[in-house]
N, C-alpha and C. Protein backbone atom coordinates (compact mmCIF):
# COMPACT_ATOMS: atom_id res chain seq x y z
N MET A 1 24.83 12.84 -2.45
CA MET A 1 25.63 13.54 -1.45
C MET A 1 25.32 15.04 -1.43
N ALA A 2 25.14 15.62 -2.63
CA ALA A 2 24.81 17.05 -2.71
C ALA A 2 23.46 17.33 -2.07
N ALA A 3 22.49 16.43 -2.26
CA ALA A 3 21.17 16.61 -1.67
C ALA A 3 21.24 16.55 -0.14
N ILE A 4 22.05 15.63 0.39
CA ILE A 4 22.19 15.50 1.85
C ILE A 4 22.87 16.73 2.43
N LEU A 5 23.94 17.18 1.79
CA LEU A 5 24.66 18.36 2.28
C LEU A 5 23.78 19.61 2.23
N THR A 6 22.98 19.74 1.17
CA THR A 6 22.09 20.89 1.06
C THR A 6 21.01 20.85 2.13
N ALA A 7 20.48 19.65 2.42
CA ALA A 7 19.48 19.53 3.48
C ALA A 7 20.08 19.87 4.84
N ALA A 8 21.32 19.44 5.08
CA ALA A 8 21.99 19.77 6.34
C ALA A 8 22.20 21.28 6.46
N ALA A 9 22.59 21.93 5.36
CA ALA A 9 22.76 23.38 5.38
C ALA A 9 21.44 24.09 5.63
N ALA A 10 20.36 23.57 5.06
CA ALA A 10 19.04 24.17 5.30
C ALA A 10 18.65 24.07 6.76
N THR A 11 18.97 22.94 7.39
CA THR A 11 18.65 22.76 8.81
C THR A 11 19.45 23.74 9.68
N LEU A 12 20.73 23.89 9.37
CA LEU A 12 21.57 24.82 10.14
C LEU A 12 21.08 26.27 9.98
N CYS A 13 20.71 26.64 8.77
CA CYS A 13 20.20 28.01 8.54
C CYS A 13 18.89 28.24 9.29
N ALA A 14 18.04 27.21 9.35
CA ALA A 14 16.76 27.36 10.04
C ALA A 14 16.96 27.57 11.54
N ARG A 15 18.02 27.02 12.09
CA ARG A 15 18.27 27.15 13.53
C ARG A 15 18.75 28.55 13.91
N LEU A 16 19.19 29.35 12.93
CA LEU A 16 19.62 30.72 13.22
C LEU A 16 18.45 31.65 13.53
N ARG A 17 17.25 31.29 13.02
CA ARG A 17 15.98 31.94 13.37
C ARG A 17 15.85 33.39 12.88
N SER A 18 16.75 33.87 12.08
CA SER A 18 16.57 35.21 11.51
C SER A 18 15.77 35.10 10.22
N ALA A 19 15.16 36.22 9.81
CA ALA A 19 14.32 36.19 8.62
C ALA A 19 15.12 35.82 7.38
N ARG A 20 16.33 36.35 7.28
CA ARG A 20 17.18 36.07 6.12
C ARG A 20 17.61 34.61 6.09
N SER A 21 17.98 34.07 7.24
CA SER A 21 18.43 32.68 7.28
C SER A 21 17.26 31.72 7.03
N LEU A 22 16.06 32.08 7.48
CA LEU A 22 14.90 31.23 7.22
C LEU A 22 14.56 31.20 5.74
N ALA A 23 14.67 32.36 5.07
CA ALA A 23 14.43 32.39 3.63
C ALA A 23 15.47 31.55 2.89
N LEU A 24 16.74 31.64 3.32
CA LEU A 24 17.78 30.84 2.71
C LEU A 24 17.55 29.36 2.97
N SER A 25 17.07 29.04 4.17
CA SER A 25 16.80 27.65 4.51
C SER A 25 15.73 27.05 3.60
N LYS A 26 14.67 27.81 3.31
CA LYS A 26 13.61 27.32 2.43
C LYS A 26 14.14 27.07 1.03
N ASN A 27 14.99 27.98 0.54
CA ASN A 27 15.56 27.80 -0.79
C ASN A 27 16.47 26.57 -0.86
N LEU A 28 17.29 26.39 0.17
CA LEU A 28 18.17 25.22 0.21
C LEU A 28 17.37 23.92 0.31
N LEU A 29 16.28 23.96 1.07
CA LEU A 29 15.44 22.77 1.20
C LEU A 29 14.80 22.42 -0.14
N PHE A 30 14.36 23.44 -0.87
CA PHE A 30 13.78 23.20 -2.19
C PHE A 30 14.81 22.57 -3.12
N VAL A 31 16.04 23.09 -3.09
CA VAL A 31 17.11 22.54 -3.94
C VAL A 31 17.39 21.09 -3.56
N SER A 32 17.40 20.79 -2.26
CA SER A 32 17.66 19.43 -1.81
C SER A 32 16.57 18.47 -2.27
N VAL A 33 15.31 18.89 -2.14
CA VAL A 33 14.20 18.04 -2.59
C VAL A 33 14.26 17.83 -4.10
N PHE A 34 14.58 18.89 -4.84
CA PHE A 34 14.66 18.78 -6.30
C PHE A 34 15.77 17.81 -6.71
N MET A 35 16.93 17.91 -6.07
CA MET A 35 18.03 17.01 -6.41
C MET A 35 17.70 15.56 -6.06
N SER A 36 16.99 15.36 -4.96
CA SER A 36 16.57 14.00 -4.59
C SER A 36 15.60 13.44 -5.62
N PHE A 37 14.68 14.28 -6.09
CA PHE A 37 13.73 13.86 -7.12
C PHE A 37 14.46 13.48 -8.41
N VAL A 38 15.42 14.31 -8.82
CA VAL A 38 16.19 14.03 -10.03
C VAL A 38 16.96 12.72 -9.88
N LEU A 39 17.51 12.47 -8.70
CA LEU A 39 18.25 11.23 -8.45
C LEU A 39 17.35 10.02 -8.62
N LEU A 40 16.14 10.06 -8.04
CA LEU A 40 15.22 8.93 -8.13
C LEU A 40 14.82 8.67 -9.57
N VAL A 41 14.46 9.73 -10.29
CA VAL A 41 14.01 9.56 -11.67
C VAL A 41 15.15 9.08 -12.56
N SER A 42 16.35 9.60 -12.35
CA SER A 42 17.48 9.23 -13.21
C SER A 42 17.89 7.77 -13.02
N ARG A 43 17.61 7.20 -11.85
CA ARG A 43 18.00 5.81 -11.60
C ARG A 43 17.24 4.83 -12.51
N THR A 44 16.09 5.24 -13.02
CA THR A 44 15.30 4.33 -13.87
C THR A 44 15.92 4.16 -15.25
N GLY A 45 16.89 5.01 -15.61
CA GLY A 45 17.50 4.93 -16.92
C GLY A 45 18.85 4.25 -16.94
N VAL A 46 19.29 3.71 -15.81
CA VAL A 46 20.60 3.05 -15.73
C VAL A 46 20.41 1.68 -15.08
N GLU A 47 21.50 0.93 -15.07
CA GLU A 47 21.45 -0.38 -14.41
C GLU A 47 21.26 -0.20 -12.91
N PRO A 48 20.54 -1.12 -12.25
CA PRO A 48 20.03 -2.40 -12.75
C PRO A 48 18.65 -2.33 -13.40
N PHE A 49 18.03 -1.14 -13.43
CA PHE A 49 16.64 -1.07 -13.87
C PHE A 49 16.47 -1.09 -15.38
N VAL A 50 17.43 -0.53 -16.12
CA VAL A 50 17.21 -0.33 -17.54
C VAL A 50 17.09 -1.64 -18.32
N SER A 51 17.71 -2.71 -17.84
CA SER A 51 17.66 -3.99 -18.55
C SER A 51 16.58 -4.92 -18.03
N LEU A 52 15.80 -4.47 -17.06
CA LEU A 52 14.76 -5.32 -16.48
C LEU A 52 13.45 -5.16 -17.24
N PRO A 53 12.64 -6.23 -17.33
CA PRO A 53 11.31 -6.08 -17.92
C PRO A 53 10.43 -5.23 -17.02
N GLY A 54 9.45 -4.62 -17.59
CA GLY A 54 8.57 -3.76 -16.79
C GLY A 54 7.49 -3.16 -17.65
N ILE A 55 6.90 -2.07 -17.17
CA ILE A 55 5.82 -1.42 -17.90
C ILE A 55 6.16 0.01 -18.26
N GLY A 56 7.43 0.39 -18.11
CA GLY A 56 7.84 1.71 -18.53
C GLY A 56 8.53 2.50 -17.43
N ARG A 57 9.40 3.44 -17.87
CA ARG A 57 10.17 4.23 -16.92
C ARG A 57 9.30 5.14 -16.07
N ILE A 58 8.21 5.67 -16.65
CA ILE A 58 7.36 6.60 -15.91
C ILE A 58 6.71 5.90 -14.72
N TRP A 59 6.20 4.71 -14.95
CA TRP A 59 5.59 3.95 -13.85
C TRP A 59 6.63 3.60 -12.79
N LEU A 60 7.81 3.20 -13.24
CA LEU A 60 8.86 2.83 -12.29
C LEU A 60 9.31 4.03 -11.47
N ALA A 61 9.49 5.19 -12.13
CA ALA A 61 9.90 6.39 -11.41
C ALA A 61 8.84 6.83 -10.42
N ALA A 62 7.57 6.75 -10.81
CA ALA A 62 6.49 7.13 -9.90
C ALA A 62 6.43 6.20 -8.69
N GLY A 63 6.68 4.92 -8.90
CA GLY A 63 6.69 3.98 -7.77
C GLY A 63 7.82 4.26 -6.80
N LEU A 64 9.01 4.53 -7.34
CA LEU A 64 10.14 4.86 -6.47
C LEU A 64 9.88 6.14 -5.69
N LEU A 65 9.30 7.14 -6.36
CA LEU A 65 9.03 8.41 -5.70
C LEU A 65 7.99 8.27 -4.60
N LEU A 66 6.91 7.54 -4.87
CA LEU A 66 5.87 7.35 -3.85
C LEU A 66 6.40 6.56 -2.65
N GLY A 67 7.23 5.57 -2.91
CA GLY A 67 7.82 4.82 -1.80
C GLY A 67 8.68 5.69 -0.93
N ALA A 68 9.49 6.55 -1.55
CA ALA A 68 10.34 7.46 -0.78
C ALA A 68 9.51 8.46 0.02
N LEU A 69 8.46 8.99 -0.60
CA LEU A 69 7.60 9.96 0.09
C LEU A 69 6.88 9.32 1.28
N LEU A 70 6.39 8.10 1.10
CA LEU A 70 5.68 7.43 2.18
C LEU A 70 6.60 7.15 3.36
N PHE A 71 7.79 6.63 3.08
CA PHE A 71 8.73 6.35 4.17
C PHE A 71 9.14 7.65 4.86
N GLY A 72 9.41 8.69 4.09
CA GLY A 72 9.76 9.98 4.68
C GLY A 72 8.64 10.55 5.52
N ALA A 73 7.40 10.37 5.07
CA ALA A 73 6.25 10.93 5.80
C ALA A 73 6.07 10.27 7.16
N VAL A 74 6.21 8.94 7.21
CA VAL A 74 6.01 8.26 8.49
C VAL A 74 7.15 8.55 9.45
N VAL A 75 8.39 8.67 8.94
CA VAL A 75 9.51 9.04 9.81
C VAL A 75 9.33 10.46 10.34
N TRP A 76 8.94 11.37 9.47
CA TRP A 76 8.70 12.76 9.85
C TRP A 76 7.61 12.86 10.91
N ALA A 77 6.49 12.17 10.70
CA ALA A 77 5.37 12.23 11.65
C ALA A 77 5.76 11.63 12.99
N MET A 78 6.50 10.52 12.98
CA MET A 78 6.91 9.90 14.24
C MET A 78 7.86 10.79 15.02
N ASN A 79 8.83 11.41 14.33
CA ASN A 79 9.75 12.31 15.01
C ASN A 79 9.03 13.54 15.54
N LEU A 80 8.07 14.04 14.78
CA LEU A 80 7.28 15.18 15.25
C LEU A 80 6.49 14.81 16.50
N GLY A 81 5.94 13.60 16.53
CA GLY A 81 5.22 13.16 17.72
C GLY A 81 6.11 13.11 18.94
N HIS A 82 7.38 12.76 18.76
CA HIS A 82 8.33 12.76 19.88
C HIS A 82 8.56 14.16 20.42
N TRP A 83 8.56 15.15 19.54
CA TRP A 83 8.80 16.52 20.00
C TRP A 83 7.68 17.01 20.89
N TYR A 84 6.47 16.49 20.70
CA TYR A 84 5.37 16.87 21.59
C TYR A 84 5.59 16.36 23.00
N LEU A 85 6.35 15.28 23.13
CA LEU A 85 6.66 14.76 24.45
C LEU A 85 7.73 15.58 25.14
N VAL A 86 8.47 16.38 24.36
CA VAL A 86 9.55 17.21 24.90
C VAL A 86 9.10 18.65 25.09
N SER A 87 8.38 19.18 24.10
CA SER A 87 7.95 20.58 24.12
C SER A 87 6.43 20.65 24.08
N SER A 88 5.85 21.32 25.05
CA SER A 88 4.39 21.47 25.10
C SER A 88 3.92 22.72 24.36
N SER A 89 4.83 23.48 23.79
CA SER A 89 4.46 24.73 23.11
C SER A 89 4.15 24.54 21.63
N LEU A 90 4.36 23.33 21.09
CA LEU A 90 4.10 23.09 19.68
C LEU A 90 2.59 23.11 19.42
N PRO A 91 2.16 23.70 18.31
CA PRO A 91 0.72 23.68 17.97
C PRO A 91 0.25 22.25 17.71
N SER A 92 -0.92 21.91 18.18
CA SER A 92 -1.44 20.54 18.03
C SER A 92 -1.74 20.21 16.58
N GLY A 93 -2.00 21.24 15.78
CA GLY A 93 -2.35 20.98 14.39
C GLY A 93 -1.22 20.41 13.56
N LEU A 94 0.03 20.59 14.00
CA LEU A 94 1.16 20.08 13.23
C LEU A 94 1.13 18.56 13.13
N LEU A 95 0.89 17.91 14.25
CA LEU A 95 0.85 16.45 14.25
C LEU A 95 -0.35 15.94 13.47
N VAL A 96 -1.45 16.64 13.57
CA VAL A 96 -2.65 16.25 12.82
C VAL A 96 -2.36 16.28 11.33
N ARG A 97 -1.75 17.37 10.86
CA ARG A 97 -1.44 17.48 9.43
C ARG A 97 -0.42 16.41 9.01
N ALA A 98 0.55 16.13 9.88
CA ALA A 98 1.55 15.11 9.55
C ALA A 98 0.90 13.74 9.40
N THR A 99 -0.02 13.40 10.30
CA THR A 99 -0.69 12.10 10.19
C THR A 99 -1.64 12.06 9.00
N GLU A 100 -2.24 13.19 8.66
CA GLU A 100 -3.10 13.22 7.47
C GLU A 100 -2.30 13.03 6.19
N VAL A 101 -1.11 13.63 6.14
CA VAL A 101 -0.23 13.42 4.98
C VAL A 101 0.18 11.95 4.90
N PHE A 102 0.51 11.36 6.03
CA PHE A 102 0.85 9.94 6.07
C PHE A 102 -0.30 9.08 5.55
N ALA A 103 -1.52 9.35 6.03
CA ALA A 103 -2.68 8.58 5.60
C ALA A 103 -2.94 8.75 4.10
N PHE A 104 -2.79 9.98 3.60
CA PHE A 104 -3.01 10.24 2.17
C PHE A 104 -2.00 9.48 1.32
N LEU A 105 -0.73 9.48 1.74
CA LEU A 105 0.30 8.80 0.97
C LEU A 105 0.12 7.27 1.03
N VAL A 106 -0.35 6.76 2.15
CA VAL A 106 -0.64 5.32 2.24
C VAL A 106 -1.72 4.95 1.23
N LEU A 107 -2.78 5.76 1.18
CA LEU A 107 -3.86 5.50 0.24
C LEU A 107 -3.37 5.63 -1.20
N LEU A 108 -2.57 6.65 -1.47
CA LEU A 108 -2.05 6.86 -2.82
C LEU A 108 -1.12 5.73 -3.24
N ARG A 109 -0.29 5.27 -2.32
CA ARG A 109 0.66 4.18 -2.62
C ARG A 109 -0.10 2.90 -2.94
N ALA A 110 -1.14 2.60 -2.17
CA ALA A 110 -1.92 1.39 -2.42
C ALA A 110 -2.69 1.49 -3.74
N ALA A 111 -3.27 2.66 -4.00
CA ALA A 111 -4.01 2.84 -5.25
C ALA A 111 -3.09 2.75 -6.46
N PHE A 112 -1.89 3.32 -6.34
CA PHE A 112 -0.92 3.25 -7.43
C PHE A 112 -0.52 1.81 -7.72
N ALA A 113 -0.26 1.04 -6.66
CA ALA A 113 0.13 -0.36 -6.84
C ALA A 113 -1.00 -1.15 -7.49
N ALA A 114 -2.24 -0.86 -7.10
CA ALA A 114 -3.38 -1.57 -7.68
C ALA A 114 -3.52 -1.27 -9.17
N VAL A 115 -3.33 0.01 -9.55
CA VAL A 115 -3.45 0.38 -10.96
C VAL A 115 -2.26 -0.17 -11.76
N ALA A 116 -1.04 0.02 -11.24
CA ALA A 116 0.15 -0.39 -11.98
C ALA A 116 0.22 -1.90 -12.17
N LEU A 117 -0.13 -2.65 -11.12
CA LEU A 117 -0.02 -4.11 -11.20
C LEU A 117 -1.32 -4.76 -11.65
N GLY A 118 -2.45 -4.29 -11.07
CA GLY A 118 -3.73 -4.93 -11.36
C GLY A 118 -4.30 -4.59 -12.72
N LEU A 119 -3.96 -3.44 -13.27
CA LEU A 119 -4.51 -3.03 -14.57
C LEU A 119 -3.44 -3.03 -15.67
N VAL A 120 -2.38 -2.24 -15.46
CA VAL A 120 -1.39 -2.06 -16.53
C VAL A 120 -0.56 -3.32 -16.75
N ALA A 121 0.09 -3.83 -15.70
CA ALA A 121 0.94 -5.01 -15.86
C ALA A 121 0.12 -6.25 -16.18
N ARG A 122 -1.03 -6.38 -15.55
CA ARG A 122 -1.86 -7.56 -15.80
C ARG A 122 -2.38 -7.58 -17.22
N GLY A 123 -2.64 -6.40 -17.77
CA GLY A 123 -3.14 -6.33 -19.14
C GLY A 123 -2.06 -6.34 -20.19
N SER A 124 -0.81 -6.35 -19.78
CA SER A 124 0.30 -6.35 -20.72
C SER A 124 0.56 -7.77 -21.21
N VAL A 125 0.73 -7.90 -22.53
CA VAL A 125 0.97 -9.23 -23.10
C VAL A 125 2.47 -9.47 -23.31
N GLY A 126 3.30 -8.48 -22.98
CA GLY A 126 4.73 -8.60 -23.18
C GLY A 126 5.46 -8.92 -21.90
N GLU A 127 6.58 -8.22 -21.72
CA GLU A 127 7.44 -8.49 -20.58
C GLU A 127 6.79 -8.12 -19.26
N GLY A 128 5.94 -7.09 -19.27
CA GLY A 128 5.26 -6.69 -18.03
C GLY A 128 4.39 -7.80 -17.47
N GLY A 129 3.62 -8.47 -18.35
CA GLY A 129 2.77 -9.57 -17.90
C GLY A 129 3.58 -10.75 -17.39
N GLU A 130 4.69 -11.03 -18.06
CA GLU A 130 5.55 -12.13 -17.62
C GLU A 130 6.20 -11.82 -16.27
N ALA A 131 6.60 -10.55 -16.07
CA ALA A 131 7.19 -10.17 -14.78
C ALA A 131 6.17 -10.28 -13.66
N LEU A 132 4.91 -9.90 -13.93
CA LEU A 132 3.87 -10.02 -12.91
C LEU A 132 3.59 -11.48 -12.59
N ALA A 133 3.62 -12.32 -13.59
CA ALA A 133 3.41 -13.76 -13.36
C ALA A 133 4.48 -14.32 -12.44
N GLY A 134 5.71 -13.83 -12.60
CA GLY A 134 6.78 -14.26 -11.71
C GLY A 134 6.56 -13.81 -10.28
N LEU A 135 5.99 -12.60 -10.10
CA LEU A 135 5.71 -12.10 -8.76
C LEU A 135 4.63 -12.93 -8.08
N LEU A 136 3.65 -13.39 -8.84
CA LEU A 136 2.51 -14.11 -8.26
C LEU A 136 2.78 -15.60 -8.10
N ASP A 137 3.81 -16.09 -8.74
CA ASP A 137 4.12 -17.51 -8.68
C ASP A 137 4.64 -17.88 -7.28
N PRO A 138 3.93 -18.77 -6.55
CA PRO A 138 4.38 -19.13 -5.19
C PRO A 138 5.72 -19.85 -5.17
N MET A 139 6.16 -20.39 -6.29
CA MET A 139 7.44 -21.07 -6.35
C MET A 139 8.58 -20.10 -6.66
N ARG A 140 8.27 -18.84 -6.92
CA ARG A 140 9.30 -17.85 -7.23
C ARG A 140 9.25 -16.73 -6.18
N ASP A 141 8.55 -15.64 -6.48
CA ASP A 141 8.52 -14.49 -5.56
C ASP A 141 7.16 -14.28 -4.90
N GLY A 142 6.27 -15.26 -5.00
CA GLY A 142 4.92 -15.09 -4.48
C GLY A 142 4.87 -14.79 -2.99
N PHE A 143 5.71 -15.50 -2.21
CA PHE A 143 5.71 -15.27 -0.76
C PHE A 143 6.10 -13.84 -0.42
N PHE A 144 7.15 -13.34 -1.07
CA PHE A 144 7.61 -11.98 -0.80
C PHE A 144 6.61 -10.94 -1.30
N PHE A 145 5.96 -11.23 -2.43
CA PHE A 145 4.98 -10.29 -2.98
C PHE A 145 3.79 -10.14 -2.04
N TRP A 146 3.23 -11.25 -1.59
CA TRP A 146 2.05 -11.15 -0.73
C TRP A 146 2.42 -10.65 0.67
N SER A 147 3.64 -10.88 1.10
CA SER A 147 4.11 -10.27 2.35
C SER A 147 4.20 -8.77 2.19
N ARG A 148 4.67 -8.30 1.03
CA ARG A 148 4.73 -6.87 0.77
C ARG A 148 3.33 -6.25 0.76
N VAL A 149 2.38 -6.94 0.12
CA VAL A 149 1.01 -6.42 0.07
C VAL A 149 0.39 -6.38 1.46
N THR A 150 0.61 -7.45 2.24
CA THR A 150 -0.01 -7.54 3.57
C THR A 150 0.57 -6.52 4.53
N TRP A 151 1.90 -6.50 4.68
CA TRP A 151 2.54 -5.65 5.69
C TRP A 151 2.85 -4.25 5.19
N GLY A 152 3.05 -4.09 3.90
CA GLY A 152 3.44 -2.78 3.39
C GLY A 152 2.32 -1.94 2.84
N LEU A 153 1.17 -2.57 2.50
CA LEU A 153 0.05 -1.82 1.94
C LEU A 153 -1.22 -1.97 2.78
N PHE A 154 -1.63 -3.22 3.01
CA PHE A 154 -2.89 -3.43 3.73
C PHE A 154 -2.80 -3.00 5.19
N ALA A 155 -1.73 -3.40 5.89
CA ALA A 155 -1.59 -3.03 7.31
C ALA A 155 -1.53 -1.51 7.52
N PRO A 156 -0.74 -0.74 6.75
CA PRO A 156 -0.78 0.72 6.91
C PRO A 156 -2.14 1.33 6.57
N LEU A 157 -2.85 0.74 5.61
CA LEU A 157 -4.19 1.25 5.29
C LEU A 157 -5.14 1.09 6.47
N VAL A 158 -5.03 -0.01 7.18
CA VAL A 158 -5.88 -0.23 8.35
C VAL A 158 -5.46 0.68 9.49
N LEU A 159 -4.15 0.89 9.64
CA LEU A 159 -3.63 1.66 10.77
C LEU A 159 -3.83 3.17 10.61
N ALA A 160 -3.73 3.68 9.39
CA ALA A 160 -3.73 5.13 9.16
C ALA A 160 -4.93 5.86 9.74
N PRO A 161 -6.18 5.38 9.57
CA PRO A 161 -7.31 6.11 10.17
C PRO A 161 -7.24 6.22 11.69
N PHE A 162 -6.71 5.19 12.34
CA PHE A 162 -6.57 5.23 13.80
C PHE A 162 -5.52 6.26 14.22
N VAL A 163 -4.45 6.37 13.43
CA VAL A 163 -3.41 7.35 13.74
C VAL A 163 -3.98 8.77 13.62
N VAL A 164 -4.71 9.03 12.55
CA VAL A 164 -5.29 10.36 12.34
C VAL A 164 -6.30 10.69 13.44
N LYS A 165 -7.16 9.74 13.76
CA LYS A 165 -8.18 9.98 14.79
C LYS A 165 -7.54 10.23 16.15
N THR A 166 -6.49 9.48 16.47
CA THR A 166 -5.80 9.67 17.75
C THR A 166 -5.14 11.04 17.82
N ALA A 167 -4.54 11.48 16.71
CA ALA A 167 -3.91 12.80 16.68
C ALA A 167 -4.95 13.91 16.81
N ARG A 168 -6.11 13.74 16.19
CA ARG A 168 -7.17 14.74 16.29
C ARG A 168 -7.73 14.82 17.71
N MET A 169 -7.65 13.73 18.45
CA MET A 169 -8.07 13.74 19.86
C MET A 169 -7.02 14.35 20.77
N LYS A 170 -5.87 14.79 20.19
CA LYS A 170 -4.75 15.38 20.91
C LYS A 170 -4.10 14.41 21.89
N SER A 171 -4.23 13.12 21.57
CA SER A 171 -3.54 12.10 22.36
C SER A 171 -2.20 11.83 21.67
N ASN A 172 -1.26 12.74 21.87
CA ASN A 172 -0.02 12.71 21.09
C ASN A 172 0.85 11.49 21.39
N GLN A 173 0.87 11.07 22.65
CA GLN A 173 1.69 9.93 23.01
C GLN A 173 1.18 8.65 22.34
N ALA A 174 -0.15 8.48 22.34
CA ALA A 174 -0.73 7.30 21.68
C ALA A 174 -0.52 7.36 20.17
N ALA A 175 -0.65 8.55 19.59
CA ALA A 175 -0.43 8.69 18.16
C ALA A 175 1.01 8.37 17.78
N THR A 176 1.96 8.80 18.62
CA THR A 176 3.37 8.50 18.36
C THR A 176 3.62 7.00 18.45
N GLY A 177 3.00 6.34 19.41
CA GLY A 177 3.15 4.88 19.50
C GLY A 177 2.61 4.16 18.27
N LEU A 178 1.46 4.62 17.77
CA LEU A 178 0.91 4.03 16.55
C LEU A 178 1.80 4.31 15.35
N LEU A 179 2.41 5.48 15.34
CA LEU A 179 3.32 5.80 14.23
C LEU A 179 4.56 4.91 14.26
N TYR A 180 4.99 4.50 15.47
CA TYR A 180 6.08 3.52 15.57
C TYR A 180 5.69 2.24 14.83
N VAL A 181 4.49 1.78 15.07
CA VAL A 181 4.00 0.57 14.40
C VAL A 181 3.92 0.81 12.89
N GLY A 182 3.42 1.99 12.51
CA GLY A 182 3.34 2.32 11.09
C GLY A 182 4.70 2.35 10.43
N LEU A 183 5.70 2.84 11.15
CA LEU A 183 7.05 2.88 10.61
C LEU A 183 7.57 1.48 10.33
N VAL A 184 7.32 0.55 11.24
CA VAL A 184 7.76 -0.83 11.03
C VAL A 184 7.08 -1.42 9.80
N PHE A 185 5.75 -1.20 9.68
CA PHE A 185 5.02 -1.71 8.52
C PHE A 185 5.59 -1.15 7.22
N VAL A 186 5.77 0.16 7.19
CA VAL A 186 6.24 0.81 5.96
C VAL A 186 7.67 0.38 5.63
N LEU A 187 8.52 0.28 6.65
CA LEU A 187 9.91 -0.12 6.42
C LEU A 187 9.98 -1.52 5.83
N VAL A 188 9.25 -2.46 6.44
CA VAL A 188 9.24 -3.83 5.91
C VAL A 188 8.67 -3.85 4.50
N GLY A 189 7.57 -3.13 4.30
CA GLY A 189 6.93 -3.11 2.99
C GLY A 189 7.81 -2.52 1.91
N GLU A 190 8.48 -1.42 2.20
CA GLU A 190 9.30 -0.77 1.18
C GLU A 190 10.59 -1.54 0.92
N LEU A 191 11.13 -2.22 1.92
CA LEU A 191 12.29 -3.08 1.67
C LEU A 191 11.91 -4.24 0.74
N LEU A 192 10.75 -4.84 1.00
CA LEU A 192 10.29 -5.90 0.11
C LEU A 192 9.97 -5.36 -1.28
N ALA A 193 9.41 -4.15 -1.34
CA ALA A 193 9.10 -3.54 -2.63
C ALA A 193 10.37 -3.28 -3.43
N ALA A 194 11.42 -2.81 -2.74
CA ALA A 194 12.69 -2.56 -3.43
C ALA A 194 13.28 -3.87 -3.96
N TYR A 195 13.20 -4.92 -3.17
CA TYR A 195 13.70 -6.22 -3.62
C TYR A 195 12.91 -6.72 -4.84
N LEU A 196 11.58 -6.64 -4.78
CA LEU A 196 10.75 -7.13 -5.88
C LEU A 196 10.89 -6.27 -7.12
N THR A 197 11.05 -4.97 -6.94
CA THR A 197 11.27 -4.09 -8.10
C THR A 197 12.59 -4.42 -8.76
N ARG A 198 13.59 -4.68 -7.95
CA ARG A 198 14.90 -5.06 -8.50
C ARG A 198 14.82 -6.38 -9.25
N ARG A 199 13.95 -7.27 -8.82
CA ARG A 199 13.81 -8.57 -9.47
C ARG A 199 12.97 -8.50 -10.74
N SER A 200 11.93 -7.67 -10.73
CA SER A 200 10.96 -7.71 -11.82
C SER A 200 10.95 -6.47 -12.70
N GLY A 201 11.40 -5.32 -12.17
CA GLY A 201 11.29 -4.09 -12.91
C GLY A 201 9.93 -3.44 -12.81
N LEU A 202 9.03 -4.01 -12.00
CA LEU A 202 7.69 -3.46 -11.82
C LEU A 202 7.62 -2.58 -10.58
N PRO A 203 6.81 -1.52 -10.60
CA PRO A 203 6.65 -0.67 -9.42
C PRO A 203 5.77 -1.33 -8.39
N VAL A 204 6.33 -2.21 -7.59
CA VAL A 204 5.55 -3.01 -6.65
C VAL A 204 5.13 -2.16 -5.46
C-alpha cells in the first residue's frame, strides 16, 4: 500500500511540471520502486513459499522480480504507444526504447528460466529435482508448465523482434497493436508461472 501511495504521489508531483516538483517526483518514484522490490524479496521468506521445495530463496526472488519487470514493461510500452495516437508531439525514440526494454526483458526472462530449471533444478538431487519432475509430469502439472513455456516465453520471444522493428519504422499504431498481443501472452504466461511457482517453489 505504501508503494502504491508513493507512486501516486510521484505522478501527481510530476504533473505540476515545476523543477522542484519534478525532483520530488523522481525521489518518490525511487522510494516506490525500492519498496516494491523489498516486498517481492521479503515474500520468499514467508508462507506459502518458505515451506515449499525449491532451489533457494535467491532464485525464487529473482524469478518473481523478473516476472514483475516483464509484465510492467509490456504494460508501460503499450500505454506509451496509445499516447502516440493522442499526442503527435512525443519523441519517436520513447516508444523504440520501451519496446527494446520489453524485448530485453523477454530474453532475460527466458534465459533465466532455462538456467534455473534446465541447469540448477534439473541437476539437483534433492527437493528441487523432485519439484521439477512434478512440473514435467503430464499427469500432474505438465500441461500448465508447457502452456507457460509456449505462451509466456516462446511466443513473446518470437513477437518481440517484430515489435521493435515496427517501432523503429515509426509505425506506432501497428507497434501498439503488437504490444496488445504481447500483453496477452505475458499476462497468461505470468499467471501460469505464479500458479506453478506456488505449487512447486521453483522460479518457473
